[in-house]
């Protein structure tokens, strides 16, 4: 893709009457590629976890807890600024590129210098070596940020997610090759560098854009301030989401950290695949801010599908999570399975809570999103401190309680500037939540006890039990969801979108056109008036 014409004007994007199609197919393509990434990660997790000890995972987690925040300094903020602006030109994008690169170089060098300090804090010299290696990922992760943002602005989600799949495959291949040779935590470090490097190479190939020299142009300051607010919000959220790692690593050591982190990764993995469509939502909703009715229909329609899937994932992992972890990773990861069971009830809540950020970004209020981050930080860290005496399991419970507590006030605060009430969000969530509770109770009380008495404890019997429980839960969950809605609408709504998710028109070439208010209003995505 060549994003700018000879005069430096951004000229790539969907035709007005193709906005709905681009949004739905963008989400579908993103999810399909995320399924591929999920499969690659799952296979890698199963294989590598049997080659590398939990303590090695713990060492790398101690380092990446900080490095990922620094790597996100440009990765979070600048893409949203590019997508949200009405107009973007070559010079503005070039300025943002060089600002991002300068910051990432400074952060990479500074982080490498902190290796000895981190090793002293954790009382583990391996942390210093890991810090030097991981510091490279900070620069490499930020190198393709503007190129990926331009691809997303043009709604070329196929290119972006396909690049992610290829980069993940390269990273996993490197990890498997080195882990099989006994490199331990070194295999994880090199694979992280390979992931960043591969992503960067792919993005520069897909987006044929060479930044020009920096120059003073209108919009640079506003874009940087917008990006700063978004990153500041991300920073508070990141501190919230990683304080648990600091506490567990400090209090219980590298081995417990490895077990806990693996449970958290499995907890977040399923939701990350779905929330990978977040940029699609922001790109679409940003074009609907002048049509409140249409904005509301798009948002609630997507939220309903998200709640349907999220609550199913919560109930399913709560039912089979422990057995599944032991089966896939081996007996030495049994504690991870026990921790995952306490994470499971929070999966659906995390999915629903996370999308309140779409409202802030699409209506241009990142400053309010940033201020909300302090409330999230205070409540969650307080729960962590209360739960710390109960170990990693207690921290997992704290996560679940935090997400469920924050949902209603978060949507109330996000929607206040545009009169968007939290009540329809609550109405959508409550029915799917109740359906998941009823289905899990039914399967646990009536089915599991019978299966445990009937089947042996051999691996083949365990696999059979997991399959029966998983299928039974899905059937019961769908039945309860339809009963609570008194219609087939929950399943019908998802079924209507499936054909549009499928890549039957991946090769569609979008014409260049501006998007008008009338064009948008005439293209509803999902009708949901609750």
Protein backbone atom coordinates (compact mmCIF):
# COMPACT_ATOMS: atom_id res chain seq x y z
CA UNK A 1 0.00 0.00 0.00
CA UNK A 2 1.20 3.50 -0.82
CA UNK A 3 -0.73 5.66 1.69
CA UNK A 4 -0.04 9.14 0.27
CA UNK A 5 -0.33 10.61 -3.21
CA UNK A 6 2.34 12.82 -4.79
CA UNK A 7 1.03 15.87 -2.90
CA UNK A 8 1.28 14.07 0.44
CA UNK A 9 -2.49 13.59 0.99
CA UNK A 10 -3.76 10.34 2.50
CA UNK A 11 -5.83 8.76 -0.27
CA UNK A 12 -6.55 5.19 0.78
CA UNK A 13 -9.73 3.91 2.40
CA UNK A 14 -13.14 2.32 1.89
CA UNK A 15 -15.86 3.91 -0.22
CA UNK A 16 -18.63 5.42 1.88
CA UNK A 17 -21.13 2.72 0.97
CA UNK A 18 -18.54 0.10 1.88
CA UNK A 19 -17.92 1.27 5.46
CA UNK A 20 -20.17 -1.31 7.07
CA UNK A 21 -18.74 -4.09 4.93
CA UNK A 22 -15.18 -2.98 5.67
CA UNK A 23 -15.90 -2.86 9.41
CA UNK A 24 -17.57 -6.27 9.61
CA UNK A 25 -15.06 -7.98 7.35
CA UNK A 26 -12.21 -6.23 9.15
CA UNK A 27 -13.41 -7.66 12.44
CA UNK A 28 -13.95 -11.07 10.84
CA UNK A 29 -10.55 -11.20 9.19
CA UNK A 30 -8.89 -10.02 12.37
CA UNK A 31 -10.60 -12.74 14.39
CA UNK A 32 -9.76 -15.44 11.84
CA UNK A 33 -6.11 -14.49 11.90
CA UNK A 34 -6.20 -14.28 15.68
CA UNK A 35 -7.47 -17.86 15.72
CA UNK A 36 -4.36 -18.77 13.74
CA UNK A 37 -2.19 -16.87 16.23
CA UNK A 38 -4.02 -18.53 19.10
CA UNK A 39 -3.36 -21.95 17.57
CA UNK A 40 0.34 -21.16 17.05
CA UNK A 41 0.69 -19.86 20.60
CA UNK A 42 -1.19 -22.81 22.04
CA UNK A 43 1.01 -25.35 20.28
CA UNK A 44 4.13 -23.42 21.28
CA UNK A 45 2.95 -23.18 24.89
CA UNK A 46 2.31 -26.92 25.08
CA UNK A 47 5.67 -27.85 23.55
CA UNK A 48 7.94 -25.16 25.03
CA UNK A 49 6.44 -25.50 28.51
CA UNK A 50 7.68 -29.09 28.55
CA UNK A 51 11.21 -27.96 27.62
CA UNK A 52 11.58 -24.89 29.84
CA UNK A 53 11.14 -24.77 33.62
CA UNK A 54 8.59 -22.46 35.28
CA UNK A 55 11.48 -20.53 36.86
CA UNK A 56 12.80 -19.60 33.39
CA UNK A 57 9.41 -18.16 32.51
CA UNK A 58 9.53 -16.31 35.81
CA UNK A 59 12.89 -14.67 35.02
CA UNK A 60 11.68 -13.36 31.66
CA UNK A 61 8.40 -12.15 33.17
CA UNK A 62 10.31 -10.16 35.79
CA UNK A 63 11.97 -8.25 32.94
CA UNK A 64 9.07 -7.93 30.50
CA UNK A 65 6.84 -6.57 33.25
CA UNK A 66 8.72 -3.28 32.75
CA UNK A 67 9.96 -3.57 29.16
CA UNK A 68 6.48 -4.00 27.68
CA UNK A 69 5.41 -0.68 29.20
CA UNK A 70 8.38 1.09 27.64
CA UNK A 71 7.88 -0.65 24.29
CA UNK A 72 4.29 0.58 24.28
CA UNK A 73 5.31 4.23 24.61
CA UNK A 74 4.87 4.71 20.85
CA UNK A 75 2.85 1.60 20.11
CA UNK A 76 -0.05 3.00 22.15
CA UNK A 77 -1.13 6.55 21.37
CA UNK A 78 0.27 7.34 17.93
CA UNK A 79 -1.84 4.70 16.12
CA UNK A 80 -4.99 6.04 17.78
CA UNK A 81 -4.00 9.60 16.86
CA UNK A 82 -3.57 8.56 13.21
CA UNK A 83 -6.89 6.71 13.10
CA UNK A 84 -8.93 9.34 14.94
CA UNK A 85 -7.84 12.45 12.98
CA UNK A 86 -10.07 13.62 10.14
CA UNK A 87 -7.06 14.35 7.92
CA UNK A 88 -3.51 12.94 7.88
CA UNK A 89 -0.76 13.94 5.46
CA UNK A 90 2.75 12.72 4.70
CA UNK A 91 4.53 15.43 6.69
CA UNK A 92 2.44 14.96 9.83
CA UNK A 93 3.03 11.20 9.74
CA UNK A 94 6.76 11.79 9.22
CA UNK A 95 6.96 14.06 12.27
CA UNK A 96 5.19 11.50 14.42
CA UNK A 97 7.50 8.77 13.11
CA UNK A 98 10.70 10.59 14.10
CA UNK A 99 9.33 11.61 17.50
CA UNK A 100 8.42 7.98 18.16
CA UNK A 101 11.84 6.68 17.05
CA UNK A 102 13.74 9.20 19.17
CA UNK A 103 11.80 8.25 22.28
CA UNK A 104 12.20 4.51 21.66
CA UNK A 105 15.99 4.76 21.26
CA UNK A 106 16.32 6.62 24.55
CA UNK A 107 14.08 4.13 26.35
CA UNK A 108 15.96 1.11 24.92
CA UNK A 109 19.32 2.39 26.15
CA UNK A 110 17.94 3.46 29.52
CA UNK A 111 16.28 0.09 30.11
CA UNK A 112 19.45 -1.84 29.22
CA UNK A 113 21.28 0.18 31.89
CA UNK A 114 18.80 -0.88 34.59
CA UNK A 115 19.75 -4.58 34.34
CA UNK A 116 21.94 -4.67 37.47
CA UNK A 117 19.32 -2.80 39.49
CA UNK A 118 16.57 -5.24 38.55
CA UNK A 119 18.86 -8.19 39.31
CA UNK A 120 19.47 -6.73 42.77
CA UNK A 121 15.74 -6.14 43.36
CA UNK A 122 14.81 -9.72 42.47
CA UNK A 123 18.03 -11.23 43.89
CA UNK A 124 18.67 -13.11 40.63
CA UNK A 125 21.62 -12.36 38.33
CA UNK A 126 19.83 -13.93 35.36
CA UNK A 127 17.52 -10.93 35.35
CA UNK A 128 20.41 -8.63 34.34
CA UNK A 129 21.25 -10.76 31.29
CA UNK A 130 17.59 -10.94 30.30
CA UNK A 131 17.29 -7.15 30.56
CA UNK A 132 20.09 -6.56 28.06
CA UNK A 133 18.44 -8.84 25.50
CA UNK A 134 14.88 -7.66 25.96
CA UNK A 135 15.93 -3.99 25.66
CA UNK A 136 16.26 -4.52 21.88
CA UNK A 137 12.53 -5.21 21.61
CA UNK A 138 11.69 -1.67 22.77
CA UNK A 139 13.22 -0.11 19.64
CA UNK A 140 12.17 -2.87 17.25
CA UNK A 141 8.56 -2.80 18.45
CA UNK A 142 8.26 0.94 17.79
CA UNK A 143 9.96 0.93 14.38
CA UNK A 144 6.80 -0.12 12.42
CA UNK A 145 4.21 1.73 14.55
CA UNK A 146 3.34 4.46 12.03
CA UNK A 147 3.28 2.02 9.11
CA UNK A 148 0.81 -0.24 10.92
CA UNK A 149 -1.30 2.76 11.93
CA UNK A 150 -1.56 3.88 8.30
CA UNK A 151 -2.60 0.39 7.25
CA UNK A 152 -5.32 0.39 9.89
CA UNK A 153 -6.53 3.85 8.91
CA UNK A 154 -6.96 2.49 5.40
CA UNK A 155 -8.81 -0.48 6.98
CA UNK A 156 -6.28 -2.93 5.51
CA UNK A 157 -6.80 -5.27 8.44
CA UNK A 158 -6.01 -8.36 6.37
CA UNK A 159 -2.48 -7.11 5.81
CA UNK A 160 -1.94 -6.15 9.44
CA UNK A 161 -3.20 -9.38 10.97
CA UNK A 162 -1.54 -11.59 8.37
CA UNK A 163 1.74 -9.91 9.23
CA UNK A 164 1.06 -10.70 12.89
CA UNK A 165 0.51 -14.37 12.08
CA UNK A 166 3.75 -14.66 10.11
CA UNK A 167 5.76 -12.84 12.78
CA UNK A 168 4.30 -15.06 15.49
CA UNK A 169 5.18 -18.17 13.48
CA UNK A 170 8.78 -16.98 13.12
CA UNK A 171 9.02 -16.23 16.85
CA UNK A 172 7.63 -19.63 17.83
CA UNK A 173 9.99 -21.43 15.44
CA UNK A 174 12.96 -19.67 17.04
CA UNK A 175 11.71 -20.49 20.55
CA UNK A 176 11.24 -24.18 19.73
CA UNK A 177 14.66 -24.45 18.06
CA UNK A 178 16.52 -22.87 20.97
CA UNK A 179 14.47 -24.51 23.73
CA UNK A 180 15.14 -27.95 22.24
CA UNK A 181 18.86 -27.21 22.58
CA UNK A 182 18.54 -26.34 26.27
CA UNK A 183 18.88 -22.55 26.11
CA UNK A 184 16.20 -22.07 28.81
CA UNK A 185 15.18 -18.47 29.36
CA UNK A 186 17.53 -17.44 26.53
CA UNK A 187 15.16 -19.10 24.07
CA UNK A 188 12.32 -16.89 25.29
CA UNK A 189 14.43 -13.74 24.97
CA UNK A 190 15.59 -14.44 21.41
CA UNK A 191 12.07 -15.38 20.34
CA UNK A 192 10.77 -12.03 21.67
CA UNK A 193 13.40 -10.18 19.63
CA UNK A 194 12.51 -12.27 16.57
CA UNK A 195 8.83 -11.37 16.96
CA UNK A 196 9.52 -7.61 17.02
CA UNK A 197 12.00 -7.80 14.14
CA UNK A 198 9.68 -9.88 11.93
CA UNK A 199 6.70 -7.59 12.60
CA UNK A 200 8.78 -4.55 11.69
CA UNK A 201 10.06 -6.03 8.43
CA UNK A 202 6.57 -7.10 7.37
CA UNK A 203 5.00 -3.71 8.12
CA UNK A 204 7.60 -1.81 6.06
CA UNK A 205 7.02 -4.17 3.14
CA UNK A 206 3.22 -3.91 3.31
CA UNK A 207 3.14 -0.11 3.71
CA UNK A 208 5.46 1.37 1.07
CA UNK A 209 6.10 4.65 2.84
CA UNK A 210 9.43 6.35 3.55
CA UNK A 211 9.18 9.09 6.20
CA UNK A 212 10.47 12.51 5.21
CA UNK A 213 12.64 14.78 7.38
CA UNK A 214 10.87 16.40 10.35
CA UNK A 215 9.32 19.80 9.68
CA UNK A 216 6.98 22.12 11.54
CA UNK A 217 3.38 21.51 10.33
CA UNK A 218 -0.08 22.08 11.87
CA UNK A 219 -1.48 19.13 13.79
CA UNK A 220 1.78 17.76 15.16
CA UNK A 221 1.33 19.19 18.62
CA UNK A 222 -2.32 18.15 18.86
CA UNK A 223 -1.50 14.61 17.71
CA UNK A 224 1.33 14.29 20.22
CA UNK A 225 -0.93 15.53 23.04
CA UNK A 226 -3.65 13.08 21.98
CA UNK A 227 -1.08 10.26 21.90
CA UNK A 228 0.29 11.34 25.28
CA UNK A 229 -3.16 11.15 26.89
CA UNK A 230 -3.80 7.71 25.37
CA UNK A 231 -0.41 6.42 26.50
CA UNK A 232 -0.87 7.93 29.96
CA UNK A 233 -4.14 6.01 30.22
CA UNK A 234 -2.39 2.89 28.99
CA UNK A 235 0.37 3.50 31.54
CA UNK A 236 -2.02 3.54 34.48
CA UNK A 237 -3.73 0.44 33.10
CA UNK A 238 -0.37 -1.25 32.57
CA UNK A 239 0.74 -0.53 36.12
CA UNK A 240 -2.57 -1.96 37.28
CA UNK A 241 -2.16 -5.10 35.16
CA UNK A 242 1.45 -5.72 36.19
CA UNK A 243 1.50 -4.89 39.87
CA UNK A 244 0.42 -8.48 40.41
CA UNK A 245 3.61 -9.71 38.71
CA UNK A 246 5.77 -7.48 40.89
CA UNK A 247 4.03 -8.63 44.06
CA UNK A 248 4.08 -12.33 43.20
CA UNK A 249 7.71 -12.25 42.03
CA UNK A 250 8.85 -10.26 45.06
CA UNK A 251 6.90 -12.26 47.64
CA UNK A 252 6.98 -15.82 46.25
CA UNK A 253 9.96 -16.03 43.84
CA UNK A 254 10.57 -17.00 40.22
CA UNK A 255 8.93 -20.45 40.33
CA UNK A 256 5.61 -19.13 41.68
CA UNK A 257 5.87 -16.24 39.23
CA UNK A 258 6.17 -18.68 36.32
CA UNK A 259 3.16 -20.70 37.43
CA UNK A 260 1.05 -17.60 38.04
CA UNK A 261 2.09 -15.88 34.79
CA UNK A 262 1.18 -18.92 32.73
CA UNK A 263 -2.30 -18.92 34.29
CA UNK A 264 -2.67 -15.20 33.61
CA UNK A 265 -1.53 -15.66 30.00
CA UNK A 266 -4.15 -18.36 29.45
CA UNK A 267 -6.73 -16.11 31.12
CA UNK A 268 -5.84 -13.18 28.87
CA UNK A 269 -5.14 -15.19 25.72
CA UNK A 270 -8.76 -15.94 24.85
CA UNK A 271 -9.84 -12.35 25.44
CA UNK A 272 -6.87 -10.92 23.55
CA UNK A 273 -7.93 -12.77 20.41
CA UNK A 274 -11.36 -11.15 20.55
CA UNK A 275 -10.14 -7.69 21.61
CA UNK A 276 -7.70 -7.73 18.70
CA UNK A 277 -10.62 -6.25 16.77
CA UNK A 278 -10.44 -3.14 19.04
CA UNK A 279 -8.83 -0.98 16.29
CA UNK A 280 -11.66 -1.97 13.93
CA UNK A 281 -14.18 -0.72 16.46
CA UNK A 282 -12.35 2.56 17.04
CA UNK A 283 -11.93 3.19 13.29
CA UNK A 284 -15.63 2.53 12.67
CA UNK A 285 -17.11 4.38 15.65
CA UNK A 286 -14.92 7.43 14.98
CA UNK A 287 -16.86 7.88 11.72
CA UNK A 288 -20.23 7.69 13.49
CA UNK A 289 -19.84 10.39 16.14
CA UNK A 290 -22.19 12.74 14.24
CA UNK A 291 -24.95 10.13 14.24
CA UNK A 292 -25.77 9.25 17.91
CA UNK A 293 -28.49 6.74 17.03
CA UNK A 294 -26.29 4.86 14.60
CA UNK A 295 -23.34 5.05 16.99
CA UNK A 296 -25.44 3.45 19.71
CA UNK A 297 -26.69 0.67 17.41
CA UNK A 298 -23.21 -0.22 16.22
CA UNK A 299 -21.78 -0.26 19.71
CA UNK A 300 -24.54 -2.22 21.44
CA UNK A 301 -24.78 -4.70 18.58
CA UNK A 302 -21.09 -5.50 18.88
CA UNK A 303 -21.26 -5.54 22.68
CA UNK A 304 -24.07 -8.09 22.63
CA UNK A 305 -21.99 -10.50 20.55
CA UNK A 306 -18.97 -9.87 22.78
CA UNK A 307 -21.00 -10.65 25.90
CA UNK A 308 -22.36 -13.84 24.33
CA UNK A 309 -18.83 -15.10 23.58
CA UNK A 310 -17.18 -13.74 26.73
CA UNK A 311 -19.57 -15.29 29.22
CA UNK A 312 -19.32 -18.60 27.38
CA UNK A 313 -15.52 -18.48 27.70
CA UNK A 314 -15.80 -17.70 31.43
CA UNK A 315 -18.07 -20.64 32.15
CA UNK A 316 -16.16 -23.04 29.90
CA UNK A 317 -12.73 -22.39 31.40
CA UNK A 318 -14.14 -22.43 34.92
CA UNK A 319 -15.48 -25.91 34.19
CA UNK A 320 -12.59 -27.56 32.33
CA UNK A 321 -9.63 -25.18 32.86
CA UNK A 322 -7.80 -27.16 35.53
CA UNK A 323 -7.98 -30.49 33.72
CA UNK A 324 -7.08 -28.86 30.41
CA UNK A 325 -3.90 -27.25 31.76
CA UNK A 326 -2.62 -30.49 33.29
CA UNK A 327 -3.43 -32.40 30.12
CA UNK A 328 -1.70 -29.93 27.81
CA UNK A 329 1.26 -28.70 29.87
CA UNK A 330 1.97 -31.66 32.10
CA UNK A 331 1.74 -32.43 35.85
CA UNK A 332 4.31 -29.85 36.97
CA UNK A 333 1.90 -27.09 35.83
CA UNK A 334 -0.98 -28.38 37.96
CA UNK A 335 -0.87 -25.28 40.18
CA UNK A 336 -1.39 -23.15 37.06
CA UNK A 337 -4.64 -24.98 36.37
CA UNK A 338 -5.86 -24.33 39.91
CA UNK A 339 -5.09 -20.61 39.54
CA UNK A 340 -6.81 -20.44 36.14
CA UNK A 341 -10.10 -21.63 37.66
CA UNK A 342 -10.18 -18.45 39.78
CA UNK A 343 -9.33 -16.28 36.78
CA UNK A 344 -12.10 -17.81 34.65
CA UNK A 345 -15.12 -15.89 36.06
CA UNK A 346 -13.40 -12.64 35.10
CA UNK A 347 -12.91 -13.38 31.39
CA UNK A 348 -16.34 -12.18 30.28
CA UNK A 349 -16.16 -9.18 32.61
CA UNK A 350 -12.72 -8.24 31.27
CA UNK A 351 -13.96 -8.37 27.68
CA UNK A 352 -16.98 -6.18 28.37
CA UNK A 353 -15.10 -3.73 30.60
CA UNK A 354 -12.25 -3.27 28.12
CA UNK A 355 -14.42 -1.89 25.31
CA UNK A 356 -15.44 1.19 27.28
CA UNK A 357 -12.17 2.60 25.94
CA UNK A 358 -13.67 2.53 22.44
CA UNK A 359 -16.12 5.20 23.54
CA UNK A 360 -13.38 7.49 24.86
CA UNK A 361 -11.17 7.13 21.79
CA UNK A 362 -13.93 7.38 19.19
CA UNK A 363 -15.42 10.59 20.64
CA UNK A 364 -11.98 12.12 21.29
CA UNK A 365 -11.87 12.15 25.10
CA UNK A 366 -8.58 10.37 25.94
CA UNK A 367 -8.08 12.80 28.84
CA UNK A 368 -11.20 11.44 30.56
CA UNK A 369 -10.01 7.89 29.85
CA UNK A 370 -6.68 8.77 31.48
CA UNK A 371 -8.38 10.12 34.61
CA UNK A 372 -10.53 7.01 34.86
CA UNK A 373 -7.32 4.97 34.91
CA UNK A 374 -6.50 6.24 38.40
CA UNK A 375 -9.77 4.87 39.75
CA UNK A 376 -9.04 1.51 38.12
CA UNK A 377 -5.48 1.56 39.49
CA UNK A 378 -6.51 2.39 43.04
CA UNK A 379 -9.25 -0.24 43.31
CA UNK A 380 -7.30 -3.07 41.66
CA UNK A 381 -4.04 -2.55 43.57
CA UNK A 382 -6.01 -2.30 46.81
CA UNK A 383 -7.59 -5.68 46.04
CA UNK A 384 -4.14 -7.12 45.22
CA UNK A 385 -2.76 -6.05 48.59
CA UNK A 386 -5.75 -7.50 50.42
CA UNK A 387 -5.47 -10.79 48.50
CA UNK A 388 -1.66 -11.17 48.66
CA UNK A 389 -1.64 -13.37 51.82
CA UNK A 390 -3.60 -15.99 49.84
CA UNK A 391 -0.85 -16.20 47.22
CA UNK A 392 -1.30 -16.35 43.43
CA UNK A 393 -4.81 -17.77 43.83
CA UNK A 394 -5.82 -14.75 45.88
CA UNK A 395 -4.43 -12.38 43.24
CA UNK A 396 -6.47 -14.20 40.56
CA UNK A 397 -9.63 -13.67 42.64
CA UNK A 398 -8.74 -9.99 43.04
CA UNK A 399 -8.61 -9.61 39.25
CA UNK A 400 -12.06 -11.13 38.82
CA UNK A 401 -13.63 -8.97 41.55
CA UNK A 402 -12.01 -5.84 40.12
CA UNK A 403 -13.42 -6.28 36.60
CA UNK A 404 -16.93 -7.01 37.81
CA UNK A 405 -16.86 -4.02 40.17
CA UNK A 406 -15.68 -1.55 37.51
CA UNK A 407 -18.04 -2.35 34.60
CA UNK A 408 -21.02 -0.14 35.48
CA UNK A 409 -19.14 2.99 36.64
CA UNK A 410 -16.73 2.74 33.68
CA UNK A 411 -19.51 2.81 31.08
CA UNK A 412 -21.39 5.53 32.97
CA UNK A 413 -18.29 7.75 32.97
CA UNK A 414 -17.30 7.01 29.35
CA UNK A 415 -20.78 7.64 27.93
CA UNK A 416 -21.58 10.75 29.95
CA UNK A 417 -20.31 13.31 27.36
CA UNK A 418 -22.64 11.88 24.67
CA UNK A 419 -25.55 10.83 26.89
CA UNK A 420 -24.80 7.13 26.50
CA UNK A 421 -26.36 5.29 29.45
CA UNK A 422 -24.86 2.23 31.13
CA UNK A 423 -28.32 0.63 31.48
CA UNK A 424 -28.38 -1.12 28.07
CA UNK A 425 -24.87 -2.45 28.81
CA UNK A 426 -26.13 -3.86 32.09
CA UNK A 427 -29.21 -5.35 30.42
CA UNK A 428 -27.10 -7.12 27.78
CA UNK A 429 -24.51 -8.40 30.27
CA UNK A 430 -26.92 -9.66 32.93
CA UNK A 431 -28.72 -12.19 30.73
CA UNK A 432 -25.55 -13.81 29.39
CA UNK A 433 -23.99 -13.83 32.85
CA UNK A 434 -27.00 -15.63 34.31
CA UNK A 435 -27.03 -18.11 31.41
CA UNK A 436 -23.35 -18.96 32.04
CA UNK A 437 -23.94 -19.41 35.80
CA UNK A 438 -26.90 -21.73 35.24
CA UNK A 439 -25.09 -23.78 32.59
CA UNK A 440 -21.98 -24.21 34.70
CA UNK A 441 -24.01 -25.16 37.78
CA UNK A 442 -25.93 -27.73 35.78
CA UNK A 443 -22.79 -29.30 34.31
CA UNK A 444 -20.89 -29.28 37.60
CA UNK A 445 -23.63 -30.72 39.80
CA UNK A 446 -25.27 -33.18 37.44
CA UNK A 447 -22.64 -34.14 34.87
CA UNK A 448 -19.17 -33.90 36.40
CA UNK A 449 -19.81 -36.14 39.40
CA UNK A 450 -21.25 -38.81 37.14
CA UNK A 451 -18.30 -38.60 34.73
CA UNK A 452 -15.76 -38.85 37.56
CA UNK A 453 -17.47 -41.99 38.85
CA UNK A 454 -17.86 -43.52 35.42
CA UNK A 455 -14.56 -42.75 33.67
CA UNK A 456 -11.06 -43.71 34.78
CA UNK A 457 -8.22 -41.24 35.35
CA UNK A 458 -6.21 -42.21 32.27
CA UNK A 459 -5.25 -39.46 29.75
CA UNK A 460 -7.72 -40.78 27.16
CA UNK A 461 -10.52 -40.79 29.73
CA UNK A 462 -9.58 -37.25 30.78
CA UNK A 463 -9.77 -36.07 27.17
CA UNK A 464 -13.18 -37.69 26.78
CA UNK A 465 -14.43 -36.07 29.99
CA UNK A 466 -13.21 -32.64 28.88
CA UNK A 467 -14.92 -32.98 25.49
CA UNK A 468 -18.22 -34.10 27.04
CA UNK A 469 -18.18 -31.31 29.62
CA UNK A 470 -17.26 -28.66 27.04
CA UNK A 471 -19.99 -29.65 24.58
CA UNK A 472 -22.59 -30.02 27.32
CA UNK A 473 -21.81 -26.57 28.67
CA UNK A 474 -22.14 -24.91 25.26
CA UNK A 475 -25.49 -26.57 24.61
CA UNK A 476 -26.82 -25.64 28.07
CA UNK A 477 -25.48 -22.08 27.81
CA UNK A 478 -27.13 -21.43 24.45
CA UNK A 479 -30.40 -22.93 25.68
CA UNK A 480 -30.44 -20.74 28.80
CA UNK A 481 -29.46 -17.64 26.80
CA UNK A 482 -32.35 -18.14 24.37
CA UNK A 483 -34.74 -18.83 27.25
CA UNK A 484 -33.75 -15.62 29.05
CA UNK A 485 -34.13 -13.59 25.84
CA UNK A 486 -37.36 -15.47 25.00
CA UNK A 487 -36.22 -15.75 21.41
CA UNK A 488 -33.53 -17.15 19.11
CA UNK A 489 -32.03 -13.67 18.76
CA UNK A 490 -28.70 -14.35 20.59
CA UNK A 491 -27.75 -17.11 18.18
CA UNK A 492 -29.47 -15.54 15.16
CA UNK A 493 -27.55 -12.29 15.64
CA UNK A 494 -24.23 -14.08 15.59
CA UNK A 495 -25.31 -16.28 12.67
CA UNK A 496 -26.21 -13.21 10.59
CA UNK A 497 -22.68 -11.89 10.90
CA UNK A 498 -20.84 -15.15 10.19
CA UNK A 499 -21.26 -15.00 6.38
CA UNK A 500 -19.94 -11.42 6.42
CA UNK A 501 -16.99 -12.40 8.62
CA UNK A 502 -15.89 -14.96 6.05
CA UNK A 503 -13.26 -13.75 3.60
CA UNK A 504 -15.43 -14.02 0.48
CA UNK A 505 -14.37 -10.56 -0.66
CA UNK A 506 -10.83 -10.21 0.65
CA UNK A 507 -9.79 -9.14 -2.77
CA UNK A 508 -12.25 -6.22 -2.88
CA UNK A 509 -10.54 -3.00 -3.93
CA UNK A 510 -12.02 -0.01 -2.17
CA UNK A 511 -12.59 3.19 -4.08
CA UNK A 512 -11.40 6.50 -2.68
CA UNK A 513 -14.23 8.57 -1.28
CA UNK A 514 -15.18 10.72 1.68
CA UNK A 515 -17.65 9.41 4.24
CA UNK A 516 -20.76 11.52 4.70
CA UNK A 517 -23.33 11.53 7.46
CA UNK A 518 -26.07 10.35 5.08
CA UNK A 519 -23.96 7.46 3.82
CA UNK A 520 -23.32 6.24 7.35
CA UNK A 521 -26.91 6.47 8.53
CA UNK A 522 -28.08 4.39 5.58
CA UNK A 523 -25.78 1.48 6.52
CA UNK A 524 -26.79 -0.10 9.86
CA UNK A 525 -24.53 -2.88 11.08
CA UNK A 526 -26.48 -4.61 13.83
CA UNK A 527 -29.87 -3.62 15.13
CA UNK A 528 -29.96 -3.73 18.91
CA UNK A 529 -32.31 -1.37 20.68
CA UNK A 530 -32.07 -2.67 24.27
